[in-house]
PDB file of N, CA and C in Angstrom:
ATOM      1  N   MET A   1      35.517   6.834  25.821  1.00  0.00           N
ATOM      2  CA  MET A   1      35.056   5.815  26.738  1.00  0.00           C
ATOM      3  C   MET A   1      36.273   4.995  27.171  1.00  0.00           C
ATOM      4  N   MET A   2      36.342   4.730  28.456  1.00  0.00           N
ATOM      5  CA  MET A   2      37.447   3.926  28.972  1.00  0.00           C
ATOM      6  C   MET A   2      37.322   2.488  28.486  1.00  0.00           C
ATOM      7  N   LEU A   3      38.468   1.856  28.281  1.00  0.00           N
ATOM      8  CA  LEU A   3      38.484   0.477  27.796  1.00  0.00           C
ATOM      9  C   LEU A   3      37.756  -0.457  28.756  1.00  0.00           C
ATOM     10  N   THR A   4      37.913  -0.240  30.054  1.00  0.00           N
ATOM     11  CA  THR A   4      37.235  -1.083  31.046  1.00  0.00           C
ATOM     12  C   THR A   4      35.727  -1.012  30.870  1.00  0.00           C
ATOM     13  N   ASN A   5      35.209   0.184  30.668  1.00  0.00           N
ATOM     14  CA  ASN A   5      33.760   0.345  30.472  1.00  0.00           C
ATOM     15  C   ASN A   5      33.293  -0.381  29.219  1.00  0.00           C
ATOM     16  N   LEU A   6      34.072  -0.256  28.146  1.00  0.00           N
ATOM     17  CA  LEU A   6      33.710  -0.935  26.901  1.00  0.00           C
ATOM     18  C   LEU A   6      33.722  -2.445  27.079  1.00  0.00           C
ATOM     19  N   ILE A   7      34.697  -2.958  27.817  1.00  0.00           N
ATOM     20  CA  ILE A   7      34.766  -4.406  28.068  1.00  0.00           C
ATOM     21  C   ILE A   7      33.539  -4.869  28.846  1.00  0.00           C
ATOM     22  N   PHE A   8      33.124  -4.091  29.853  1.00  0.00           N
ATOM     23  CA  PHE A   8      31.940  -4.466  30.625  1.00  0.00           C
ATOM     24  C   PHE A   8      30.673  -4.387  29.775  1.00  0.00           C
ATOM     25  N   ILE A   9      30.578  -3.374  28.922  1.00  0.00           N
ATOM     26  CA  ILE A   9      29.411  -3.247  28.042  1.00  0.00           C
ATOM     27  C   ILE A   9      29.334  -4.450  27.110  1.00  0.00           C
ATOM     28  N   VAL A  10      30.427  -4.745  26.435  1.00  0.00           N
ATOM     29  CA  VAL A  10      30.445  -5.849  25.470  1.00  0.00           C
ATOM     30  C   VAL A  10      30.213  -7.182  26.174  1.00  0.00           C
ATOM     31  N   SER A  11      30.804  -7.359  27.345  1.00  0.00           N
ATOM     32  CA  SER A  11      30.601  -8.605  28.098  1.00  0.00           C
ATOM     33  C   SER A  11      29.133  -8.789  28.463  1.00  0.00           C
ATOM     34  N   SER A  12      28.501  -7.727  28.905  1.00  0.00           N
ATOM     35  CA  SER A  12      27.086  -7.799  29.259  1.00  0.00           C
ATOM     36  C   SER A  12      26.237  -8.161  28.044  1.00  0.00           C
ATOM     37  N   VAL A  13      26.513  -7.501  26.934  1.00  0.00           N
ATOM     38  CA  VAL A  13      25.751  -7.761  25.707  1.00  0.00           C
ATOM     39  C   VAL A  13      25.980  -9.183  25.213  1.00  0.00           C
ATOM     40  N   LEU A  14      27.228  -9.660  25.256  1.00  0.00           N
ATOM     41  CA  LEU A  14      27.518 -11.018  24.789  1.00  0.00           C
ATOM     42  C   LEU A  14      26.859 -12.069  25.674  1.00  0.00           C
ATOM     43  N   LEU A  15      26.863 -11.844  26.979  1.00  0.00           N
ATOM     44  CA  LEU A  15      26.185 -12.791  27.878  1.00  0.00           C
ATOM     45  C   LEU A  15      24.677 -12.790  27.639  1.00  0.00           C
ATOM     46  N   ASN A  16      24.131 -11.615  27.362  1.00  0.00           N
ATOM     47  CA  ASN A  16      22.709 -11.518  27.056  1.00  0.00           C
ATOM     48  C   ASN A  16      22.394 -12.291  25.770  1.00  0.00           C
ATOM     49  N   ALA A  17      23.249 -12.160  24.766  1.00  0.00           N
ATOM     50  CA  ALA A  17      23.056 -12.892  23.509  1.00  0.00           C
ATOM     51  C   ALA A  17      23.193 -14.395  23.737  1.00  0.00           C
ATOM     52  N   LEU A  18      24.181 -14.785  24.528  1.00  0.00           N
ATOM     53  CA  LEU A  18      24.353 -16.198  24.860  1.00  0.00           C
ATOM     54  C   LEU A  18      23.111 -16.735  25.558  1.00  0.00           C
ATOM     55  N   ALA A  19      22.535 -15.936  26.438  1.00  0.00           N
ATOM     56  CA  ALA A  19      21.314 -16.351  27.134  1.00  0.00           C
ATOM     57  C   ALA A  19      20.198 -16.631  26.130  1.00  0.00           C
ATOM     58  N   GLN A  20      20.047 -15.774  25.126  1.00  0.00           N
ATOM     59  CA  GLN A  20      19.013 -15.987  24.105  1.00  0.00           C
ATOM     60  C   GLN A  20      19.223 -17.313  23.381  1.00  0.00           C
ATOM     61  N   ILE A  21      20.468 -17.597  23.031  1.00  0.00           N
ATOM     62  CA  ILE A  21      20.772 -18.832  22.306  1.00  0.00           C
ATOM     63  C   ILE A  21      20.516 -20.050  23.195  1.00  0.00           C
ATOM     64  N   LEU A  22      20.926 -19.956  24.452  1.00  0.00           N
ATOM     65  CA  LEU A  22      20.694 -21.077  25.371  1.00  0.00           C
ATOM     66  C   LEU A  22      19.201 -21.311  25.594  1.00  0.00           C
ATOM     67  N   LEU A  23      18.433 -20.241  25.746  1.00  0.00           N
ATOM     68  CA  LEU A  23      16.989 -20.400  25.943  1.00  0.00           C
ATOM     69  C   LEU A  23      16.331 -21.006  24.709  1.00  0.00           C
ATOM     70  N   LYS A  24      16.772 -20.571  23.530  1.00  0.00           N
ATOM     71  CA  LYS A  24      16.241 -21.154  22.286  1.00  0.00           C
ATOM     72  C   LYS A  24      16.586 -22.635  22.205  1.00  0.00           C
ATOM     73  N   ALA A  25      17.840 -22.972  22.529  1.00  0.00           N
ATOM     74  CA  ALA A  25      18.258 -24.384  22.498  1.00  0.00           C
ATOM     75  C   ALA A  25      17.425 -25.204  23.475  1.00  0.00           C
ATOM     76  N   GLY A  26      17.165 -24.650  24.643  1.00  0.00           N
ATOM     77  CA  GLY A  26      16.354 -25.357  25.628  1.00  0.00           C
ATOM     78  C   GLY A  26      14.930 -25.565  25.160  1.00  0.00           C
ATOM     79  N   MET A  27      14.358 -24.556  24.550  1.00  0.00           N
ATOM     80  CA  MET A  27      12.965 -24.659  24.115  1.00  0.00           C
ATOM     81  C   MET A  27      12.815 -25.536  22.876  1.00  0.00           C
ATOM     82  N   LYS A  28      13.886 -25.702  22.109  1.00  0.00           N
ATOM     83  CA  LYS A  28      13.816 -26.599  20.947  1.00  0.00           C
ATOM     84  C   LYS A  28      13.644 -28.053  21.370  1.00  0.00           C
ATOM     85  N   THR A  29      13.957 -28.366  22.616  1.00  0.00           N
ATOM     86  CA  THR A  29      13.791 -29.738  23.085  1.00  0.00           C
ATOM     87  C   THR A  29      12.328 -30.075  23.361  1.00  0.00           C
ATOM     88  N   PHE A  30      11.479 -29.066  23.384  1.00  0.00           N
ATOM     89  CA  PHE A  30      10.043 -29.278  23.608  1.00  0.00           C
ATOM     90  C   PHE A  30       9.328 -29.106  22.279  1.00  0.00           C
ATOM     91  N   ASN A  31       8.793 -30.185  21.752  1.00  0.00           N
ATOM     92  CA  ASN A  31       8.138 -30.123  20.447  1.00  0.00           C
ATOM     93  C   ASN A  31       6.851 -29.322  20.502  1.00  0.00           C
ATOM     94  N   ASN A  32       5.900 -29.814  21.233  1.00  0.00           N
ATOM     95  CA  ASN A  32       4.602 -29.155  21.328  1.00  0.00           C
ATOM     96  C   ASN A  32       4.307 -28.842  22.789  1.00  0.00           C
ATOM     97  N   ILE A  33       4.358 -27.568  23.105  1.00  0.00           N
ATOM     98  CA  ILE A  33       4.047 -27.180  24.478  1.00  0.00           C
ATOM     99  C   ILE A  33       2.547 -26.977  24.571  1.00  0.00           C
ATOM    100  N   ASP A  34       1.924 -27.713  25.462  1.00  0.00           N
ATOM    101  CA  ASP A  34       0.484 -27.641  25.669  1.00  0.00           C
ATOM    102  C   ASP A  34       0.238 -27.080  27.064  1.00  0.00           C
ATOM    103  N   LEU A  35      -0.141 -25.817  27.119  1.00  0.00           N
ATOM    104  CA  LEU A  35      -0.369 -25.179  28.417  1.00  0.00           C
ATOM    105  C   LEU A  35      -1.747 -25.506  28.991  1.00  0.00           C
ATOM    106  N   LYS A  36      -2.590 -26.186  28.206  1.00  0.00           N
ATOM    107  CA  LYS A  36      -3.915 -26.550  28.706  1.00  0.00           C
ATOM    108  C   LYS A  36      -3.855 -27.827  29.536  1.00  0.00           C
ATOM    109  N   ASN A  37      -3.055 -28.768  29.096  1.00  0.00           N
ATOM    110  CA  ASN A  37      -2.913 -30.044  29.799  1.00  0.00           C
ATOM    111  C   ASN A  37      -1.517 -30.129  30.411  1.00  0.00           C
ATOM    112  N   ASN A  38      -1.465 -30.620  31.614  1.00  0.00           N
ATOM    113  CA  ASN A  38      -0.183 -30.830  32.291  1.00  0.00           C
ATOM    114  C   ASN A  38       0.646 -29.549  32.388  1.00  0.00           C
ATOM    115  N   LEU A  39       0.012 -28.449  32.733  1.00  0.00           N
ATOM    116  CA  LEU A  39       0.700 -27.164  32.834  1.00  0.00           C
ATOM    117  C   LEU A  39       1.855 -27.231  33.827  1.00  0.00           C
ATOM    118  N   MET A  40       1.593 -27.806  34.995  1.00  0.00           N
ATOM    119  CA  MET A  40       2.632 -27.861  36.024  1.00  0.00           C
ATOM    120  C   MET A  40       3.804 -28.726  35.567  1.00  0.00           C
ATOM    121  N   GLN A  41       3.521 -29.862  34.951  1.00  0.00           N
ATOM    122  CA  GLN A  41       4.588 -30.741  34.458  1.00  0.00           C
ATOM    123  C   GLN A  41       5.412 -30.039  33.375  1.00  0.00           C
ATOM    124  N   THR A  42       4.740 -29.310  32.508  1.00  0.00           N
ATOM    125  CA  THR A  42       5.444 -28.571  31.456  1.00  0.00           C
ATOM    126  C   THR A  42       6.359 -27.520  32.062  1.00  0.00           C
ATOM    127  N   LEU A  43       5.862 -26.764  33.028  1.00  0.00           N
ATOM    128  CA  LEU A  43       6.670 -25.728  33.673  1.00  0.00           C
ATOM    129  C   LEU A  43       7.865 -26.326  34.415  1.00  0.00           C
ATOM    130  N   ILE A  44       7.658 -27.450  35.065  1.00  0.00           N
ATOM    131  CA  ILE A  44       8.762 -28.121  35.763  1.00  0.00           C
ATOM    132  C   ILE A  44       9.806 -28.605  34.759  1.00  0.00           C
ATOM    133  N   SER A  45       9.347 -29.201  33.663  1.00  0.00           N
ATOM    134  CA  SER A  45      10.279 -29.682  32.636  1.00  0.00           C
ATOM    135  C   SER A  45      11.101 -28.536  32.051  1.00  0.00           C
ATOM    136  N   ILE A  46      10.452 -27.436  31.782  1.00  0.00           N
ATOM    137  CA  ILE A  46      11.157 -26.267  31.256  1.00  0.00           C
ATOM    138  C   ILE A  46      12.159 -25.754  32.288  1.00  0.00           C
ATOM    139  N   SER A  47      11.726 -25.652  33.526  1.00  0.00           N
ATOM    140  CA  SER A  47      12.578 -25.119  34.599  1.00  0.00           C
ATOM    141  C   SER A  47      13.800 -25.983  34.873  1.00  0.00           C
ATOM    142  N   LEU A  48      13.710 -27.266  34.632  1.00  0.00           N
ATOM    143  CA  LEU A  48      14.813 -28.180  34.919  1.00  0.00           C
ATOM    144  C   LEU A  48      15.717 -28.435  33.709  1.00  0.00           C
ATOM    145  N   ASN A  49      15.386 -27.861  32.585  1.00  0.00           N
ATOM    146  CA  ASN A  49      16.190 -28.034  31.379  1.00  0.00           C
ATOM    147  C   ASN A  49      17.534 -27.317  31.560  1.00  0.00           C
ATOM    148  N   PRO A  50      18.646 -28.009  31.370  1.00  0.00           N
ATOM    149  CA  PRO A  50      19.965 -27.395  31.589  1.00  0.00           C
ATOM    150  C   PRO A  50      20.221 -26.153  30.738  1.00  0.00           C
ATOM    151  N   TYR A  51      19.752 -26.168  29.496  1.00  0.00           N
ATOM    152  CA  TYR A  51      19.926 -24.986  28.645  1.00  0.00           C
ATOM    153  C   TYR A  51      19.189 -23.778  29.233  1.00  0.00           C
ATOM    154  N   ILE A  52      17.982 -24.016  29.707  1.00  0.00           N
ATOM    155  CA  ILE A  52      17.196 -22.931  30.304  1.00  0.00           C
ATOM    156  C   ILE A  52      17.890 -22.423  31.563  1.00  0.00           C
ATOM    157  N   ILE A  53      18.359 -23.330  32.396  1.00  0.00           N
ATOM    158  CA  ILE A  53      19.041 -22.938  33.641  1.00  0.00           C
ATOM    159  C   ILE A  53      20.261 -22.083  33.326  1.00  0.00           C
ATOM    160  N   PHE A  54      21.106 -22.551  32.408  1.00  0.00           N
ATOM    161  CA  PHE A  54      22.310 -21.782  32.066  1.00  0.00           C
ATOM    162  C   PHE A  54      21.962 -20.480  31.345  1.00  0.00           C
ATOM    163  N   GLY A  55      20.854 -20.479  30.598  1.00  0.00           N
ATOM    164  CA  GLY A  55      20.391 -19.235  29.978  1.00  0.00           C
ATOM    165  C   GLY A  55      20.031 -18.194  31.027  1.00  0.00           C
ATOM    166  N   PHE A  56      19.332 -18.626  32.077  1.00  0.00           N
ATOM    167  CA  PHE A  56      18.991 -17.697  33.153  1.00  0.00           C
ATOM    168  C   PHE A  56      20.231 -17.235  33.914  1.00  0.00           C
ATOM    169  N   ILE A  57      21.185 -18.123  34.097  1.00  0.00           N
ATOM    170  CA  ILE A  57      22.433 -17.735  34.765  1.00  0.00           C
ATOM    171  C   ILE A  57      23.170 -16.685  33.923  1.00  0.00           C
ATOM    172  N   ALA A  58      23.232 -16.909  32.611  1.00  0.00           N
ATOM    173  CA  ALA A  58      23.880 -15.937  31.729  1.00  0.00           C
ATOM    174  C   ALA A  58      23.171 -14.591  31.796  1.00  0.00           C
ATOM    175  N   TYR A  59      21.827 -14.616  31.818  1.00  0.00           N
ATOM    176  CA  TYR A  59      21.068 -13.373  31.964  1.00  0.00           C
ATOM    177  C   TYR A  59      21.397 -12.685  33.283  1.00  0.00           C
ATOM    178  N   GLY A  60      21.453 -13.455  34.351  1.00  0.00           N
ATOM    179  CA  GLY A  60      21.730 -12.876  35.664  1.00  0.00           C
ATOM    180  C   GLY A  60      23.077 -12.179  35.707  1.00  0.00           C
ATOM    181  N   ILE A  61      24.098 -12.837  35.193  1.00  0.00           N
ATOM    182  CA  ILE A  61      25.434 -12.228  35.170  1.00  0.00           C
ATOM    183  C   ILE A  61      25.433 -11.001  34.263  1.00  0.00           C
ATOM    184  N   SER A  62      24.729 -11.120  33.143  1.00  0.00           N
ATOM    185  CA  SER A  62      24.611  -9.994  32.218  1.00  0.00           C
ATOM    186  C   SER A  62      23.990  -8.775  32.903  1.00  0.00           C
ATOM    187  N   ILE A  63      22.970  -8.998  33.693  1.00  0.00           N
ATOM    188  CA  ILE A  63      22.303  -7.893  34.388  1.00  0.00           C
ATOM    189  C   ILE A  63      23.230  -7.262  35.428  1.00  0.00           C
ATOM    190  N   ILE A  64      23.970  -8.081  36.156  1.00  0.00           N
ATOM    191  CA  ILE A  64      24.906  -7.550  37.149  1.00  0.00           C
ATOM    192  C   ILE A  64      25.956  -6.677  36.468  1.00  0.00           C
ATOM    193  N   LEU A  65      26.507  -7.160  35.346  1.00  0.00           N
ATOM    194  CA  LEU A  65      27.477  -6.361  34.599  1.00  0.00           C
ATOM    195  C   LEU A  65      26.851  -5.073  34.089  1.00  0.00           C
ATOM    196  N   TRP A  66      25.607  -5.169  33.621  1.00  0.00           N
ATOM    197  CA  TRP A  66      24.923  -3.992  33.078  1.00  0.00           C
ATOM    198  C   TRP A  66      24.686  -2.944  34.164  1.00  0.00           C
ATOM    199  N   LEU A  67      24.376  -3.384  35.358  1.00  0.00           N
ATOM    200  CA  LEU A  67      24.214  -2.442  36.464  1.00  0.00           C
ATOM    201  C   LEU A  67      25.524  -1.701  36.736  1.00  0.00           C
ATOM    202  N   TRP A  68      26.631  -2.411  36.665  1.00  0.00           N
ATOM    203  CA  TRP A  68      27.931  -1.769  36.835  1.00  0.00           C
ATOM    204  C   TRP A  68      28.142  -0.732  35.739  1.00  0.00           C
ATOM    205  N   VAL A  69      27.798  -1.108  34.479  1.00  0.00           N
ATOM    206  CA  VAL A  69      27.935  -0.186  33.347  1.00  0.00           C
ATOM    207  C   VAL A  69      27.116   1.081  33.595  1.00  0.00           C
ATOM    208  N   LEU A  70      25.879   0.906  34.028  1.00  0.00           N
ATOM    209  CA  LEU A  70      25.013   2.063  34.248  1.00  0.00           C
ATOM    210  C   LEU A  70      25.529   2.979  35.349  1.00  0.00           C
ATOM    211  N   SER A  71      26.313   2.429  36.272  1.00  0.00           N
ATOM    212  CA  SER A  71      26.876   3.260  37.333  1.00  0.00           C
ATOM    213  C   SER A  71      28.084   4.062  36.850  1.00  0.00           C
ATOM    214  N   LYS A  72      28.656   3.694  35.694  1.00  0.00           N
ATOM    215  CA  LYS A  72      29.889   4.328  35.221  1.00  0.00           C
ATOM    216  C   LYS A  72      29.738   5.107  33.911  1.00  0.00           C
ATOM    217  N   VAL A  73      28.768   4.732  33.086  1.00  0.00           N
ATOM    218  CA  VAL A  73      28.677   5.265  31.730  1.00  0.00           C
ATOM    219  C   VAL A  73      27.317   5.919  31.526  1.00  0.00           C
ATOM    220  N   ASP A  74      27.300   7.015  30.762  1.00  0.00           N
ATOM    221  CA  ASP A  74      26.018   7.642  30.421  1.00  0.00           C
ATOM    222  C   ASP A  74      25.138   6.619  29.698  1.00  0.00           C
ATOM    223  N   VAL A  75      23.901   6.532  30.112  1.00  0.00           N
ATOM    224  CA  VAL A  75      22.988   5.556  29.506  1.00  0.00           C
ATOM    225  C   VAL A  75      22.775   5.863  28.025  1.00  0.00           C
ATOM    226  N   SER A  76      22.857   7.137  27.624  1.00  0.00           N
ATOM    227  CA  SER A  76      22.679   7.503  26.217  1.00  0.00           C
ATOM    228  C   SER A  76      23.822   6.974  25.349  1.00  0.00           C
ATOM    229  N   LEU A  77      24.955   6.681  25.962  1.00  0.00           N
ATOM    230  CA  LEU A  77      26.068   6.081  25.239  1.00  0.00           C
ATOM    231  C   LEU A  77      26.044   4.561  25.348  1.00  0.00           C
ATOM    232  N   ALA A  78      25.769   4.053  26.535  1.00  0.00           N
ATOM    233  CA  ALA A  78      25.834   2.609  26.775  1.00  0.00           C
ATOM    234  C   ALA A  78      24.684   1.843  26.121  1.00  0.00           C
ATOM    235  N   TYR A  79      23.465   2.347  26.255  1.00  0.00           N
ATOM    236  CA  TYR A  79      22.300   1.571  25.832  1.00  0.00           C
ATOM    237  C   TYR A  79      22.313   1.197  24.345  1.00  0.00           C
ATOM    238  N   PRO A  80      22.700   2.088  23.453  1.00  0.00           N
ATOM    239  CA  PRO A  80      22.708   1.677  22.039  1.00  0.00           C
ATOM    240  C   PRO A  80      23.603   0.476  21.754  1.00  0.00           C
ATOM    241  N   PHE A  81      24.572   0.197  22.620  1.00  0.00           N
ATOM    242  CA  PHE A  81      25.421  -0.970  22.413  1.00  0.00           C
ATOM    243  C   PHE A  81      24.650  -2.274  22.589  1.00  0.00           C
ATOM    244  N   GLN A  82      23.463  -2.201  23.147  1.00  0.00           N
ATOM    245  CA  GLN A  82      22.631  -3.399  23.229  1.00  0.00           C
ATOM    246  C   GLN A  82      22.320  -3.929  21.829  1.00  0.00           C
ATOM    247  N   ALA A  83      22.383  -3.046  20.827  1.00  0.00           N
ATOM    248  CA  ALA A  83      22.134  -3.469  19.448  1.00  0.00           C
ATOM    249  C   ALA A  83      23.184  -4.461  18.963  1.00  0.00           C
ATOM    250  N   LEU A  84      24.345  -4.472  19.599  1.00  0.00           N
ATOM    251  CA  LEU A  84      25.364  -5.470  19.273  1.00  0.00           C
ATOM    252  C   LEU A  84      24.804  -6.880  19.470  1.00  0.00           C
ATOM    253  N   GLY A  85      23.879  -7.009  20.403  1.00  0.00           N
ATOM    254  CA  GLY A  85      23.236  -8.294  20.644  1.00  0.00           C
ATOM    255  C   GLY A  85      22.486  -8.811  19.428  1.00  0.00           C
ATOM    256  N   TYR A  86      21.881  -7.906  18.651  1.00  0.00           N
ATOM    257  CA  TYR A  86      21.176  -8.332  17.428  1.00  0.00           C
ATOM    258  C   TYR A  86      22.149  -9.019  16.475  1.00  0.00           C
ATOM    259  N   ILE A  87      23.324  -8.441  16.363  1.00  0.00           N
ATOM    260  CA  ILE A  87      24.327  -8.976  15.446  1.00  0.00           C
ATOM    261  C   ILE A  87      24.796 -10.348  15.927  1.00  0.00           C
ATOM    262  N   VAL A  88      25.147 -10.426  17.195  1.00  0.00           N
ATOM    263  CA  VAL A  88      25.671 -11.669  17.757  1.00  0.00           C
ATOM    264  C   VAL A  88      24.625 -12.779  17.698  1.00  0.00           C
ATOM    265  N   VAL A  89      23.402 -12.477  18.099  1.00  0.00           N
ATOM    266  CA  VAL A  89      22.343 -13.494  18.097  1.00  0.00           C
ATOM    267  C   VAL A  89      22.058 -13.973  16.678  1.00  0.00           C
ATOM    268  N   THR A  90      22.026 -13.060  15.731  1.00  0.00           N
ATOM    269  CA  THR A  90      21.759 -13.451  14.347  1.00  0.00           C
ATOM    270  C   THR A  90      22.840 -14.386  13.826  1.00  0.00           C
ATOM    271  N   ILE A  91      24.095 -14.054  14.091  1.00  0.00           N
ATOM    272  CA  ILE A  91      25.197 -14.906  13.624  1.00  0.00           C
ATOM    273  C   ILE A  91      25.168 -16.260  14.325  1.00  0.00           C
ATOM    274  N   LEU A  92      24.961 -16.254  15.641  1.00  0.00           N
ATOM    275  CA  LEU A  92      24.905 -17.533  16.373  1.00  0.00           C
ATOM    276  C   LEU A  92      23.713 -18.378  15.938  1.00  0.00           C
ATOM    277  N   ALA A  93      22.577 -17.744  15.684  1.00  0.00           N
ATOM    278  CA  ALA A  93      21.401 -18.494  15.224  1.00  0.00           C
ATOM    279  C   ALA A  93      21.667 -19.130  13.869  1.00  0.00           C
ATOM    280  N   TRP A  94      22.397 -18.437  13.026  1.00  0.00           N
ATOM    281  CA  TRP A  94      22.765 -18.981  11.719  1.00  0.00           C
ATOM    282  C   TRP A  94      23.724 -20.163  11.881  1.00  0.00           C
ATOM    283  N   LEU A  95      24.726 -19.991  12.760  1.00  0.00           N
ATOM    284  CA  LEU A  95      25.724 -21.041  12.955  1.00  0.00           C
ATOM    285  C   LEU A  95      25.169 -22.267  13.679  1.00  0.00           C
ATOM    286  N   ILE A  96      24.392 -22.029  14.736  1.00  0.00           N
ATOM    287  CA  ILE A  96      23.955 -23.125  15.598  1.00  0.00           C
ATOM    288  C   ILE A  96      22.643 -23.757  15.129  1.00  0.00           C
ATOM    289  N   PHE A  97      21.680 -22.915  14.757  1.00  0.00           N
ATOM    290  CA  PHE A  97      20.349 -23.425  14.409  1.00  0.00           C
ATOM    291  C   PHE A  97      20.090 -23.439  12.896  1.00  0.00           C
ATOM    292  N   GLN A  98      21.085 -23.071  12.113  1.00  0.00           N
ATOM    293  CA  GLN A  98      20.957 -22.992  10.659  1.00  0.00           C
ATOM    294  C   GLN A  98      19.781 -22.110  10.231  1.00  0.00           C
ATOM    295  N   GLU A  99      19.558 -21.029  10.978  1.00  0.00           N
ATOM    296  CA  GLU A  99      18.506 -20.090  10.593  1.00  0.00           C
ATOM    297  C   GLU A  99      18.942 -19.306   9.364  1.00  0.00           C
ATOM    298  N   ASN A 100      17.982 -18.942   8.543  1.00  0.00           N
ATOM    299  CA  ASN A 100      18.254 -18.240   7.298  1.00  0.00           C
ATOM    300  C   ASN A 100      18.630 -16.782   7.564  1.00  0.00           C
ATOM    301  N   ILE A 101      19.712 -16.336   6.924  1.00  0.00           N
ATOM    302  CA  ILE A 101      20.074 -14.919   6.947  1.00  0.00           C
ATOM    303  C   ILE A 101      20.119 -14.469   5.491  1.00  0.00           C
ATOM    304  N   ASN A 102      19.131 -13.681   5.107  1.00  0.00           N
ATOM    305  CA  ASN A 102      19.078 -13.225   3.722  1.00  0.00           C
ATOM    306  C   ASN A 102      19.829 -11.889   3.573  1.00  0.00           C
ATOM    307  N   LEU A 103      19.891 -11.402   2.349  1.00  0.00           N
ATOM    308  CA  LEU A 103      20.630 -10.185   2.049  1.00  0.00           C
ATOM    309  C   LEU A 103      20.096  -8.982   2.823  1.00  0.00           C
ATOM    310  N   THR A 104      18.801  -8.894   2.976  1.00  0.00           N
ATOM    311  CA  THR A 104      18.211  -7.782   3.713  1.00  0.00           C
ATOM    312  C   THR A 104      18.693  -7.764   5.162  1.00  0.00           C
ATOM    313  N   ARG A 105      18.752  -8.918   5.792  1.00  0.00           N
ATOM    314  CA  ARG A 105      19.235  -8.995   7.171  1.00  0.00           C
ATOM    315  C   ARG A 105      20.711  -8.620   7.256  1.00  0.00           C
ATOM    316  N   ILE A 106      21.478  -9.065   6.290  1.00  0.00           N
ATOM    317  CA  ILE A 106      22.911  -8.731   6.279  1.00  0.00           C
ATOM    318  C   ILE A 106      23.103  -7.221   6.161  1.00  0.00           C
ATOM    319  N   ILE A 107      22.358  -6.600   5.276  1.00  0.00           N
ATOM    320  CA  ILE A 107      22.444  -5.138   5.117  1.00  0.00           C
ATOM    321  C   ILE A 107      22.045  -4.439   6.421  1.00  0.00           C
ATOM    322  N   ALA A 108      20.990  -4.913   7.054  1.00  0.00           N
ATOM    323  CA  ALA A 108      20.554  -4.318   8.323  1.00  0.00           C
ATOM    324  C   ALA A 108      21.636  -4.457   9.392  1.00  0.00           C
ATOM    325  N   LEU A 109      22.278  -5.613   9.455  1.00  0.00           N
ATOM    326  CA  LEU A 109      23.349  -5.828  10.434  1.00  0.00           C
ATOM    327  C   LEU A 109      24.551  -4.932  10.150  1.00  0.00           C
ATOM    328  N   ILE A 110      24.827  -4.677   8.886  1.00  0.00           N
ATOM    329  CA  ILE A 110      25.915  -3.761   8.529  1.00  0.00           C
ATOM    330  C   ILE A 110      25.590  -2.353   9.008  1.00  0.00           C
ATOM    331  N   PHE A 111      24.352  -1.917   8.825  1.00  0.00           N
ATOM    332  CA  PHE A 111      23.949  -0.589   9.303  1.00  0.00           C
ATOM    333  C   PHE A 111      24.051  -0.489  10.827  1.00  0.00           C
ATOM    334  N   ILE A 112      23.638  -1.521  11.510  1.00  0.00           N
ATOM    335  CA  ILE A 112      23.754  -1.538  12.974  1.00  0.00           C
ATOM    336  C   ILE A 112      25.226  -1.432  13.368  1.00  0.00           C
ATOM    337  N   SER A 113      26.070  -2.191  12.699  1.00  0.00           N
ATOM    338  CA  SER A 113      27.501  -2.167  13.004  1.00  0.00           C
ATOM    339  C   SER A 113      28.095  -0.782  12.776  1.00  0.00           C
ATOM    340  N   LEU A 114      27.756  -0.172  11.657  1.00  0.00           N
ATOM    341  CA  LEU A 114      28.255   1.176  11.368  1.00  0.00           C
ATOM    342  C   LEU A 114      27.784   2.176  12.428  1.00  0.00           C
ATOM    343  N   GLY A 115      26.549   2.047  12.835  1.00  0.00           N
ATOM    344  CA  GLY A 115      26.022   2.931  13.877  1.00  0.00           C
ATOM    345  C   GLY A 115      26.776   2.773  15.185  1.00  0.00           C
ATOM    346  N   LEU A 116      27.098   1.547  15.551  1.00  0.00           N
ATOM    347  CA  LEU A 116      27.845   1.304  16.789  1.00  0.00           C
ATOM    348  C   LEU A 116      29.264   1.849  16.707  1.00  0.00           C
ATOM    349  N   ILE A 117      29.878   1.728  15.545  1.00  0.00           N
ATOM    350  CA  ILE A 117      31.232   2.269  15.362  1.00  0.00           C
ATOM    351  C   ILE A 117      31.203   3.790  15.497  1.00  0.00           C
ATOM    352  N   ILE A 118      30.244   4.418  14.844  1.00  0.00           N
ATOM    353  CA  ILE A 118      30.119   5.884  14.954  1.00  0.00           C
ATOM    354  C   ILE A 118      29.859   6.289  16.382  1.00  0.00           C
ATOM    355  N   LEU A 119      28.999   5.573  17.065  1.00  0.00           N
ATOM    356  CA  LEU A 119      28.687   5.859  18.477  1.00  0.00           C
ATOM    357  C   LEU A 119      29.925   5.729  19.360  1.00  0.00           C
ATOM    358  N   ALA A 120      30.703   4.677  19.151  1.00  0.00           N
ATOM    359  CA  ALA A 120      31.908   4.477  19.957  1.00  0.00           C
ATOM    360  C   ALA A 120      32.895   5.622  19.751  1.00  0.00           C
ATOM    361  N   PHE A 121      33.061   6.052  18.521  1.00  0.00           N
ATOM    362  CA  PHE A 121      33.975   7.158  18.269  1.00  0.00           C
ATOM    363  C   PHE A 121      33.425   8.496  18.740  1.00  0.00           C
ATOM    364  N   SER A 122      32.117   8.622  18.835  1.00  0.00           N
ATOM    365  CA  SER A 122      31.525   9.885  19.287  1.00  0.00           C
ATOM    366  C   SER A 122      31.889  10.182  20.740  1.00  0.00           C
ATOM    367  N   SER A 123      32.149   9.144  21.524  1.00  0.00           N
ATOM    368  CA  SER A 123      32.507   9.368  22.918  1.00  0.00           C
ATOM    369  C   SER A 123      33.913   9.947  23.036  1.00  0.00           C
ATOM    370  N   ARG A 124      34.760   9.714  22.049  1.00  0.00           N
ATOM    371  CA  ARG A 124      36.106  10.290  22.059  1.00  0.00           C
ATOM    372  C   ARG A 124      36.083  11.773  21.730  1.00  0.00           C
ATOM    373  N   VAL A 125      35.120  12.167  20.895  1.00  0.00           N
ATOM    374  CA  VAL A 125      35.008  13.567  20.487  1.00  0.00           C
ATOM    375  C   VAL A 125      34.499  14.416  21.634  1.00  0.00           C
ATOM    376  N   SER A 126      33.584  13.855  22.421  1.00  0.00           N
ATOM    377  CA  SER A 126      32.959  14.611  23.504  1.00  0.00           C
ATOM    378  C   SER A 126      33.918  14.923  24.615  1.00  0.00           C
TER     379      SER A 126
END
């Protein structure tokens, strides 16, 4: 795999992970969302939240990069790299939101990482 393609893949995945973190941060500002009362006000408040806005922007850029990736790289090689997002989001959630990461999750993330390493090297063999 060309280095440029790998950079675009990783950039897309990282922006997608950043979008998840930004959306979570935005939604944490709303304690109790009540969709029965004041639905329109709730939707407006969510839509105007800066974290939500930047989360959508990160998603948008991520999608544009991903479209470029799909035009250059076999989807069977590129798509599994989306699993890198699981690793990044889990680490960021632990760092930013103090979410619990137990031993089972760590082992799972190690397996995902090993799979991605094997996948990356498999493109050199082909």
